[in-house]
Amino acid sequence: MERNLKFLKTMSVTDFKAKQGVEKIEVKRNKHTGKCFFVYGFETGACSKKVETGELTTPVISEVCSAETGNLFFLLHQQGEGEATTLAIL
């Protein structure tokens, strides 16, 4: 999925929660499809494969745009996934 996405803005989970005015984010799995998603307030967002496989060690949330549909949505993913690799945090 991540290959067909344009990453518009990336933020820490803490910054995302503050911006959305929520205290917590819940990661859930759809029992019918097996896919993970996250819930914040009354809204939902998508999760990368690393969330499903347990490889998520440094989570961030990005606003992304699907190249195929033009839809905008939030994606919970591993820092460094997407268009840029993190070289350092200062």
PDB file of N, CA and C in Angstrom:
ATOM      1  N   MET A   1       0.813  -1.197   0.000  1.00  0.00           N
ATOM      2  CA  MET A   1       0.000   0.000   0.000  1.00  0.00           C
ATOM      3  C   MET A   1       0.854   1.257   0.000  1.00  0.00           C
ATOM      4  N   GLU A   2       1.949   1.290   0.798  1.00  0.00           N
ATOM      5  CA  GLU A   2       2.729   2.503   0.952  1.00  0.00           C
ATOM      6  C   GLU A   2       3.364   3.000  -0.352  1.00  0.00           C
ATOM      7  N   ARG A   3       3.532   2.124  -1.349  1.00  0.00           N
ATOM      8  CA  ARG A   3       4.174   2.534  -2.601  1.00  0.00           C
ATOM      9  C   ARG A   3       3.306   3.477  -3.421  1.00  0.00           C
ATOM     10  N   ASN A   4       2.004   3.428  -3.242  1.00  0.00           N
ATOM     11  CA  ASN A   4       1.090   4.250  -4.017  1.00  0.00           C
ATOM     12  C   ASN A   4       0.616   5.472  -3.233  1.00  0.00           C
ATOM     13  N   LEU A   5       1.359   5.856  -2.198  1.00  0.00           N
ATOM     14  CA  LEU A   5       0.945   6.959  -1.355  1.00  0.00           C
ATOM     15  C   LEU A   5       1.910   8.128  -1.460  1.00  0.00           C
ATOM     16  N   LYS A   6       1.356   9.316  -1.392  1.00  0.00           N
ATOM     17  CA  LYS A   6       2.172  10.526  -1.291  1.00  0.00           C
ATOM     18  C   LYS A   6       2.064  11.002   0.150  1.00  0.00           C
ATOM     19  N   PHE A   7       3.199  11.068   0.838  1.00  0.00           N
ATOM     20  CA  PHE A   7       3.226  11.485   2.234  1.00  0.00           C
ATOM     21  C   PHE A   7       3.243  13.015   2.277  1.00  0.00           C
ATOM     22  N   LEU A   8       2.203  13.596   2.885  1.00  0.00           N
ATOM     23  CA  LEU A   8       2.054  15.050   2.909  1.00  0.00           C
ATOM     24  C   LEU A   8       2.638  15.671   4.167  1.00  0.00           C
ATOM     25  N   LYS A   9       2.332  15.084   5.318  1.00  0.00           N
ATOM     26  CA  LYS A   9       2.800  15.633   6.586  1.00  0.00           C
ATOM     27  C   LYS A   9       2.934  14.494   7.577  1.00  0.00           C
ATOM     28  N   THR A  10       4.049  14.456   8.304  1.00  0.00           N
ATOM     29  CA  THR A  10       4.286  13.421   9.298  1.00  0.00           C
ATOM     30  C   THR A  10       4.457  14.068  10.662  1.00  0.00           C
ATOM     31  N   MET A  11       3.868  13.447  11.685  1.00  0.00           N
ATOM     32  CA  MET A  11       3.974  13.982  13.038  1.00  0.00           C
ATOM     33  C   MET A  11       4.099  12.844  14.043  1.00  0.00           C
ATOM     34  N   SER A  12       4.579  13.185  15.224  1.00  0.00           N
ATOM     35  CA  SER A  12       4.662  12.184  16.287  1.00  0.00           C
ATOM     36  C   SER A  12       3.252  11.821  16.735  1.00  0.00           C
ATOM     37  N   VAL A  13       3.134  10.694  17.402  1.00  0.00           N
ATOM     38  CA  VAL A  13       1.838  10.276  17.934  1.00  0.00           C
ATOM     39  C   VAL A  13       1.340  11.307  18.946  1.00  0.00           C
ATOM     40  N   THR A  14       2.230  11.832  19.780  1.00  0.00           N
ATOM     41  CA  THR A  14       1.861  12.849  20.768  1.00  0.00           C
ATOM     42  C   THR A  14       1.319  14.103  20.088  1.00  0.00           C
ATOM     43  N   ASP A  15       2.006  14.573  19.048  1.00  0.00           N
ATOM     44  CA  ASP A  15       1.542  15.757  18.314  1.00  0.00           C
ATOM     45  C   ASP A  15       0.204  15.493  17.624  1.00  0.00           C
ATOM     46  N   PHE A  16       0.034  14.300  17.067  1.00  0.00           N
ATOM     47  CA  PHE A  16      -1.223  13.951  16.405  1.00  0.00           C
ATOM     48  C   PHE A  16      -2.381  13.978  17.404  1.00  0.00           C
ATOM     49  N   LYS A  17      -2.182  13.366  18.595  1.00  0.00           N
ATOM     50  CA  LYS A  17      -3.240  13.350  19.596  1.00  0.00           C
ATOM     51  C   LYS A  17      -3.600  14.766  20.036  1.00  0.00           C
ATOM     52  N   ALA A  18      -2.608  15.607  20.225  1.00  0.00           N
ATOM     53  CA  ALA A  18      -2.878  16.989  20.624  1.00  0.00           C
ATOM     54  C   ALA A  18      -3.635  17.736  19.526  1.00  0.00           C
ATOM     55  N   LYS A  19      -3.224  17.555  18.290  1.00  0.00           N
ATOM     56  CA  LYS A  19      -3.874  18.231  17.167  1.00  0.00           C
ATOM     57  C   LYS A  19      -5.318  17.770  16.985  1.00  0.00           C
ATOM     58  N   GLN A  20      -5.579  16.489  17.214  1.00  0.00           N
ATOM     59  CA  GLN A  20      -6.921  15.933  17.050  1.00  0.00           C
ATOM     60  C   GLN A  20      -7.768  16.084  18.308  1.00  0.00           C
ATOM     61  N   GLY A  21      -7.157  16.497  19.409  1.00  0.00           N
ATOM     62  CA  GLY A  21      -7.890  16.676  20.661  1.00  0.00           C
ATOM     63  C   GLY A  21      -8.355  15.374  21.294  1.00  0.00           C
ATOM     64  N   VAL A  22      -7.510  14.328  21.193  1.00  0.00           N
ATOM     65  CA  VAL A  22      -7.841  13.036  21.788  1.00  0.00           C
ATOM     66  C   VAL A  22      -6.759  12.637  22.788  1.00  0.00           C
ATOM     67  N   GLU A  23      -7.161  11.847  23.777  1.00  0.00           N
ATOM     68  CA  GLU A  23      -6.210  11.395  24.793  1.00  0.00           C
ATOM     69  C   GLU A  23      -5.540  10.084  24.438  1.00  0.00           C
ATOM     70  N   LYS A  24      -6.211   9.280  23.598  1.00  0.00           N
ATOM     71  CA  LYS A  24      -5.640   7.970  23.280  1.00  0.00           C
ATOM     72  C   LYS A  24      -5.956   7.582  21.840  1.00  0.00           C
ATOM     73  N   ILE A  25      -5.154   6.666  21.363  1.00  0.00           N
ATOM     74  CA  ILE A  25      -5.341   6.042  20.048  1.00  0.00           C
ATOM     75  C   ILE A  25      -5.390   4.539  20.300  1.00  0.00           C
ATOM     76  N   GLU A  26      -6.393   3.883  19.741  1.00  0.00           N
ATOM     77  CA  GLU A  26      -6.505   2.434  19.874  1.00  0.00           C
ATOM     78  C   GLU A  26      -6.220   1.783  18.530  1.00  0.00           C
ATOM     79  N   VAL A  27      -5.346   0.783  18.536  1.00  0.00           N
ATOM     80  CA  VAL A  27      -5.078   0.007  17.328  1.00  0.00           C
ATOM     81  C   VAL A  27      -5.936  -1.246  17.414  1.00  0.00           C
ATOM     82  N   LYS A  28      -6.704  -1.512  16.356  1.00  0.00           N
ATOM     83  CA  LYS A  28      -7.630  -2.639  16.345  1.00  0.00           C
ATOM     84  C   LYS A  28      -7.415  -3.466  15.085  1.00  0.00           C
ATOM     85  N   ARG A  29      -7.922  -4.704  15.131  1.00  0.00           N
ATOM     86  CA  ARG A  29      -7.837  -5.596  13.975  1.00  0.00           C
ATOM     87  C   ARG A  29      -9.259  -5.981  13.564  1.00  0.00           C
ATOM     88  N   ASN A  30      -9.549  -5.828  12.277  1.00  0.00           N
ATOM     89  CA  ASN A  30     -10.843  -6.240  11.738  1.00  0.00           C
ATOM     90  C   ASN A  30     -10.872  -7.765  11.728  1.00  0.00           C
ATOM     91  N   LYS A  31     -11.828  -8.363  12.446  1.00  0.00           N
ATOM     92  CA  LYS A  31     -11.859  -9.827  12.562  1.00  0.00           C
ATOM     93  C   LYS A  31     -12.218 -10.516  11.254  1.00  0.00           C
ATOM     94  N   HIS A  32     -12.815  -9.793  10.315  1.00  0.00           N
ATOM     95  CA  HIS A  32     -13.194 -10.397   9.036  1.00  0.00           C
ATOM     96  C   HIS A  32     -12.065 -10.333   8.001  1.00  0.00           C
ATOM     97  N   THR A  33     -11.333  -9.222   7.982  1.00  0.00           N
ATOM     98  CA  THR A  33     -10.274  -9.057   6.984  1.00  0.00           C
ATOM     99  C   THR A  33      -8.877  -9.316   7.540  1.00  0.00           C
ATOM    100  N   GLY A  34      -8.720  -9.225   8.867  1.00  0.00           N
ATOM    101  CA  GLY A  34      -7.412  -9.386   9.486  1.00  0.00           C
ATOM    102  C   GLY A  34      -6.567  -8.125   9.434  1.00  0.00           C
ATOM    103  N   LYS A  35      -7.062  -7.065   8.794  1.00  0.00           N
ATOM    104  CA  LYS A  35      -6.293  -5.827   8.671  1.00  0.00           C
ATOM    105  C   LYS A  35      -6.444  -4.967   9.926  1.00  0.00           C
ATOM    106  N   CYS A  36      -5.364  -4.237  10.231  1.00  0.00           N
ATOM    107  CA  CYS A  36      -5.355  -3.350  11.384  1.00  0.00           C
ATOM    108  C   CYS A  36      -5.744  -1.931  10.966  1.00  0.00           C
ATOM    109  N   PHE A  37      -6.317  -1.217  11.934  1.00  0.00           N
ATOM    110  CA  PHE A  37      -6.637   0.198  11.758  1.00  0.00           C
ATOM    111  C   PHE A  37      -6.527   0.855  13.118  1.00  0.00           C
ATOM    112  N   PHE A  38      -6.494   2.193  13.153  1.00  0.00           N
ATOM    113  CA  PHE A  38      -6.460   2.856  14.446  1.00  0.00           C
ATOM    114  C   PHE A  38      -7.664   3.771  14.588  1.00  0.00           C
ATOM    115  N   VAL A  39      -8.067   3.941  15.849  1.00  0.00           N
ATOM    116  CA  VAL A  39      -9.243   4.737  16.180  1.00  0.00           C
ATOM    117  C   VAL A  39      -8.790   5.892  17.059  1.00  0.00           C
ATOM    118  N   TYR A  40      -9.216   7.097  16.700  1.00  0.00           N
ATOM    119  CA  TYR A  40      -8.950   8.288  17.517  1.00  0.00           C
ATOM    120  C   TYR A  40     -10.250   9.077  17.602  1.00  0.00           C
ATOM    121  N   GLY A  41     -10.792   9.168  18.811  1.00  0.00           N
ATOM    122  CA  GLY A  41     -12.107   9.791  18.955  1.00  0.00           C
ATOM    123  C   GLY A  41     -13.136   8.964  18.199  1.00  0.00           C
ATOM    124  N   PHE A  42     -13.869   9.616  17.278  1.00  0.00           N
ATOM    125  CA  PHE A  42     -14.873   8.920  16.468  1.00  0.00           C
ATOM    126  C   PHE A  42     -14.372   8.656  15.046  1.00  0.00           C
ATOM    127  N   GLU A  43     -13.096   8.854  14.804  1.00  0.00           N
ATOM    128  CA  GLU A  43     -12.502   8.701  13.472  1.00  0.00           C
ATOM    129  C   GLU A  43     -11.587   7.481  13.434  1.00  0.00           C
ATOM    130  N   THR A  44     -11.264   7.041  12.218  1.00  0.00           N
ATOM    131  CA  THR A  44     -10.341   5.918  12.047  1.00  0.00           C
ATOM    132  C   THR A  44      -9.245   6.286  11.049  1.00  0.00           C
ATOM    133  N   GLY A  45      -8.132   5.569  11.140  1.00  0.00           N
ATOM    134  CA  GLY A  45      -7.026   5.722  10.208  1.00  0.00           C
ATOM    135  C   GLY A  45      -6.474   4.355   9.850  1.00  0.00           C
ATOM    136  N   ALA A  46      -5.628   4.327   8.850  1.00  0.00           N
ATOM    137  CA  ALA A  46      -5.036   3.080   8.372  1.00  0.00           C
ATOM    138  C   ALA A  46      -3.730   2.773   9.107  1.00  0.00           C
ATOM    139  N   CYS A  47      -3.308   1.522   9.036  1.00  0.00           N
ATOM    140  CA  CYS A  47      -2.042   1.083   9.630  1.00  0.00           C
ATOM    141  C   CYS A  47      -1.193   0.411   8.557  1.00  0.00           C
ATOM    142  N   SER A  48       0.104   0.617   8.649  1.00  0.00           N
ATOM    143  CA  SER A  48       1.018  -0.052   7.724  1.00  0.00           C
ATOM    144  C   SER A  48       1.169  -1.520   8.128  1.00  0.00           C
ATOM    145  N   LYS A  49       1.769  -2.301   7.258  1.00  0.00           N
ATOM    146  CA  LYS A  49       1.995  -3.729   7.510  1.00  0.00           C
ATOM    147  C   LYS A  49       2.835  -3.959   8.760  1.00  0.00           C
ATOM    148  N   LYS A  50       3.743  -3.014   9.074  1.00  0.00           N
ATOM    149  CA  LYS A  50       4.610  -3.181  10.247  1.00  0.00           C
ATOM    150  C   LYS A  50       3.815  -3.191  11.542  1.00  0.00           C
ATOM    151  N   VAL A  51       2.666  -2.550  11.549  1.00  0.00           N
ATOM    152  CA  VAL A  51       1.793  -2.612  12.725  1.00  0.00           C
ATOM    153  C   VAL A  51       1.264  -4.040  12.859  1.00  0.00           C
ATOM    154  N   GLU A  52       0.813  -4.618  11.761  1.00  0.00           N
ATOM    155  CA  GLU A  52       0.242  -5.971  11.762  1.00  0.00           C
ATOM    156  C   GLU A  52       1.271  -7.031  12.138  1.00  0.00           C
ATOM    157  N   THR A  53       2.527  -6.838  11.712  1.00  0.00           N
ATOM    158  CA  THR A  53       3.558  -7.835  11.961  1.00  0.00           C
ATOM    159  C   THR A  53       4.301  -7.622  13.277  1.00  0.00           C
ATOM    160  N   GLY A  54       3.961  -6.558  14.015  1.00  0.00           N
ATOM    161  CA  GLY A  54       4.617  -6.290  15.294  1.00  0.00           C
ATOM    162  C   GLY A  54       5.979  -5.643  15.161  1.00  0.00           C
ATOM    163  N   GLU A  55       6.308  -5.116  13.988  1.00  0.00           N
ATOM    164  CA  GLU A  55       7.608  -4.494  13.756  1.00  0.00           C
ATOM    165  C   GLU A  55       7.610  -2.998  14.032  1.00  0.00           C
ATOM    166  N   LEU A  56       6.511  -2.458  14.537  1.00  0.00           N
ATOM    167  CA  LEU A  56       6.403  -1.027  14.777  1.00  0.00           C
ATOM    168  C   LEU A  56       7.126  -0.678  16.069  1.00  0.00           C
ATOM    169  N   THR A  57       8.286  -0.033  15.968  1.00  0.00           N
ATOM    170  CA  THR A  57       9.076   0.328  17.142  1.00  0.00           C
ATOM    171  C   THR A  57       9.100   1.836  17.379  1.00  0.00           C
ATOM    172  N   THR A  58       9.026   2.624  16.322  1.00  0.00           N
ATOM    173  CA  THR A  58       9.012   4.080  16.428  1.00  0.00           C
ATOM    174  C   THR A  58       7.823   4.596  15.610  1.00  0.00           C
ATOM    175  N   PRO A  59       6.634   4.595  16.215  1.00  0.00           N
ATOM    176  CA  PRO A  59       5.440   4.963  15.458  1.00  0.00           C
ATOM    177  C   PRO A  59       5.329   6.456  15.192  1.00  0.00           C
ATOM    178  N   VAL A  60       4.854   6.788  14.014  1.00  0.00           N
ATOM    179  CA  VAL A  60       4.494   8.144  13.626  1.00  0.00           C
ATOM    180  C   VAL A  60       3.196   8.057  12.832  1.00  0.00           C
ATOM    181  N   ILE A  61       2.550   9.199  12.656  1.00  0.00           N
ATOM    182  CA  ILE A  61       1.323   9.242  11.868  1.00  0.00           C
ATOM    183  C   ILE A  61       1.497  10.278  10.776  1.00  0.00           C
ATOM    184  N   SER A  62       1.175   9.880   9.547  1.00  0.00           N
ATOM    185  CA  SER A  62       1.290  10.773   8.402  1.00  0.00           C
ATOM    186  C   SER A  62      -0.066  10.995   7.759  1.00  0.00           C
ATOM    187  N   GLU A  63      -0.263  12.210   7.270  1.00  0.00           N
ATOM    188  CA  GLU A  63      -1.393  12.461   6.386  1.00  0.00           C
ATOM    189  C   GLU A  63      -0.905  12.088   5.001  1.00  0.00           C
ATOM    190  N   VAL A  64      -1.624  11.216   4.324  1.00  0.00           N
ATOM    191  CA  VAL A  64      -1.193  10.711   3.030  1.00  0.00           C
ATOM    192  C   VAL A  64      -2.309  10.852   2.009  1.00  0.00           C
ATOM    193  N   CYS A  65      -1.910  10.806   0.745  1.00  0.00           N
ATOM    194  CA  CYS A  65      -2.854  10.864  -0.361  1.00  0.00           C
ATOM    195  C   CYS A  65      -2.624   9.645  -1.240  1.00  0.00           C
ATOM    196  N   SER A  66      -3.700   8.939  -1.560  1.00  0.00           N
ATOM    197  CA  SER A  66      -3.613   7.777  -2.437  1.00  0.00           C
ATOM    198  C   SER A  66      -3.452   8.247  -3.872  1.00  0.00           C
ATOM    199  N   ALA A  67      -2.417   7.772  -4.553  1.00  0.00           N
ATOM    200  CA  ALA A  67      -2.184   8.134  -5.956  1.00  0.00           C
ATOM    201  C   ALA A  67      -3.296   7.590  -6.848  1.00  0.00           C
ATOM    202  N   GLU A  68      -3.895   6.480  -6.454  1.00  0.00           N
ATOM    203  CA  GLU A  68      -4.931   5.844  -7.273  1.00  0.00           C
ATOM    204  C   GLU A  68      -6.285   6.536  -7.167  1.00  0.00           C
ATOM    205  N   THR A  69      -6.658   6.945  -5.932  1.00  0.00           N
ATOM    206  CA  THR A  69      -8.006   7.486  -5.714  1.00  0.00           C
ATOM    207  C   THR A  69      -8.040   8.968  -5.400  1.00  0.00           C
ATOM    208  N   GLY A  70      -6.912   9.521  -4.940  1.00  0.00           N
ATOM    209  CA  GLY A  70      -6.880  10.916  -4.512  1.00  0.00           C
ATOM    210  C   GLY A  70      -7.399  11.113  -3.103  1.00  0.00           C
ATOM    211  N   ASN A  71      -7.778  10.029  -2.416  1.00  0.00           N
ATOM    212  CA  ASN A  71      -8.296  10.128  -1.053  1.00  0.00           C
ATOM    213  C   ASN A  71      -7.190  10.503  -0.078  1.00  0.00           C
ATOM    214  N   LEU A  72      -7.527  11.373   0.874  1.00  0.00           N
ATOM    215  CA  LEU A  72      -6.624  11.744   1.960  1.00  0.00           C
ATOM    216  C   LEU A  72      -7.008  10.957   3.200  1.00  0.00           C
ATOM    217  N   PHE A  73      -6.008  10.456   3.937  1.00  0.00           N
ATOM    218  CA  PHE A  73      -6.274   9.757   5.187  1.00  0.00           C
ATOM    219  C   PHE A  73      -5.011   9.740   6.030  1.00  0.00           C
ATOM    220  N   PHE A  74      -5.167   9.356   7.292  1.00  0.00           N
ATOM    221  CA  PHE A  74      -4.022   9.241   8.195  1.00  0.00           C
ATOM    222  C   PHE A  74      -3.542   7.804   8.213  1.00  0.00           C
ATOM    223  N   LEU A  75      -2.209   7.650   8.289  1.00  0.00           N
ATOM    224  CA  LEU A  75      -1.565   6.337   8.288  1.00  0.00           C
ATOM    225  C   LEU A  75      -0.617   6.237   9.474  1.00  0.00           C
ATOM    226  N   LEU A  76      -0.824   5.234  10.319  1.00  0.00           N
ATOM    227  CA  LEU A  76       0.102   4.921  11.406  1.00  0.00           C
ATOM    228  C   LEU A  76       1.170   4.008  10.828  1.00  0.00           C
ATOM    229  N   HIS A  77       2.428   4.403  10.974  1.00  0.00           N
ATOM    230  CA  HIS A  77       3.510   3.628  10.357  1.00  0.00           C
ATOM    231  C   HIS A  77       4.816   3.809  11.111  1.00  0.00           C
ATOM    232  N   GLN A  78       5.813   3.069  10.720  1.00  0.00           N
ATOM    233  CA  GLN A  78       7.153   3.141  11.295  1.00  0.00           C
ATOM    234  C   GLN A  78       7.854   4.401  10.811  1.00  0.00           C
ATOM    235  N   GLN A  79       8.486   5.109  11.714  1.00  0.00           N
ATOM    236  CA  GLN A  79       9.268   6.278  11.311  1.00  0.00           C
ATOM    237  C   GLN A  79      10.305   5.847  10.281  1.00  0.00           C
ATOM    238  N   GLY A  80      10.399   6.586   9.199  1.00  0.00           N
ATOM    239  CA  GLY A  80      11.320   6.254   8.122  1.00  0.00           C
ATOM    240  C   GLY A  80      10.653   5.577   6.946  1.00  0.00           C
ATOM    241  N   GLU A  81       9.466   4.993   7.138  1.00  0.00           N
ATOM    242  CA  GLU A  81       8.711   4.434   6.017  1.00  0.00           C
ATOM    243  C   GLU A  81       8.191   5.596   5.188  1.00  0.00           C
ATOM    244  N   GLY A  82       8.108   5.406   3.919  1.00  0.00           N
ATOM    245  CA  GLY A  82       7.588   6.466   3.057  1.00  0.00           C
ATOM    246  C   GLY A  82       8.672   6.999   2.157  1.00  0.00           C
ATOM    247  N   GLU A  83       8.692   8.296   2.008  1.00  0.00           N
ATOM    248  CA  GLU A  83       9.581   8.908   1.034  1.00  0.00           C
ATOM    249  C   GLU A  83      10.943   9.293   1.584  1.00  0.00           C
ATOM    250  N   ALA A  84      11.110   9.282   2.904  1.00  0.00           N
ATOM    251  CA  ALA A  84      12.387   9.730   3.463  1.00  0.00           C
ATOM    252  C   ALA A  84      12.813   8.801   4.594  1.00  0.00           C
ATOM    253  N   THR A  85      14.092   8.607   4.721  1.00  0.00           N
ATOM    254  CA  THR A  85      14.659   7.824   5.809  1.00  0.00           C
ATOM    255  C   THR A  85      15.229   8.771   6.840  1.00  0.00           C
ATOM    256  N   THR A  86      14.932   8.539   8.103  1.00  0.00           N
ATOM    257  CA  THR A  86      15.460   9.372   9.173  1.00  0.00           C
ATOM    258  C   THR A  86      16.923   9.018   9.400  1.00  0.00           C
ATOM    259  N   LEU A  87      17.783  10.009   9.335  1.00  0.00           N
ATOM    260  CA  LEU A  87      19.208   9.801   9.558  1.00  0.00           C
ATOM    261  C   LEU A  87      19.609  10.141  10.990  1.00  0.00           C
ATOM    262  N   ALA A  88      18.905  11.094  11.585  1.00  0.00           N
ATOM    263  CA  ALA A  88      19.220  11.482  12.959  1.00  0.00           C
ATOM    264  C   ALA A  88      18.029  12.215  13.556  1.00  0.00           C
ATOM    265  N   ILE A  89      17.936  12.140  14.880  1.00  0.00           N
ATOM    266  CA  ILE A  89      16.968  12.935  15.621  1.00  0.00           C
ATOM    267  C   ILE A  89      17.762  13.776  16.578  1.00  0.00           C
ATOM    268  N   LEU A  90      17.620  15.071  16.476  1.00  0.00           N
ATOM    269  CA  LEU A  90      18.440  15.994  17.277  1.00  0.00           C
ATOM    270  C   LEU A  90      17.625  16.670  18.358  1.00  0.00           C
TER     271      LEU A  90
END
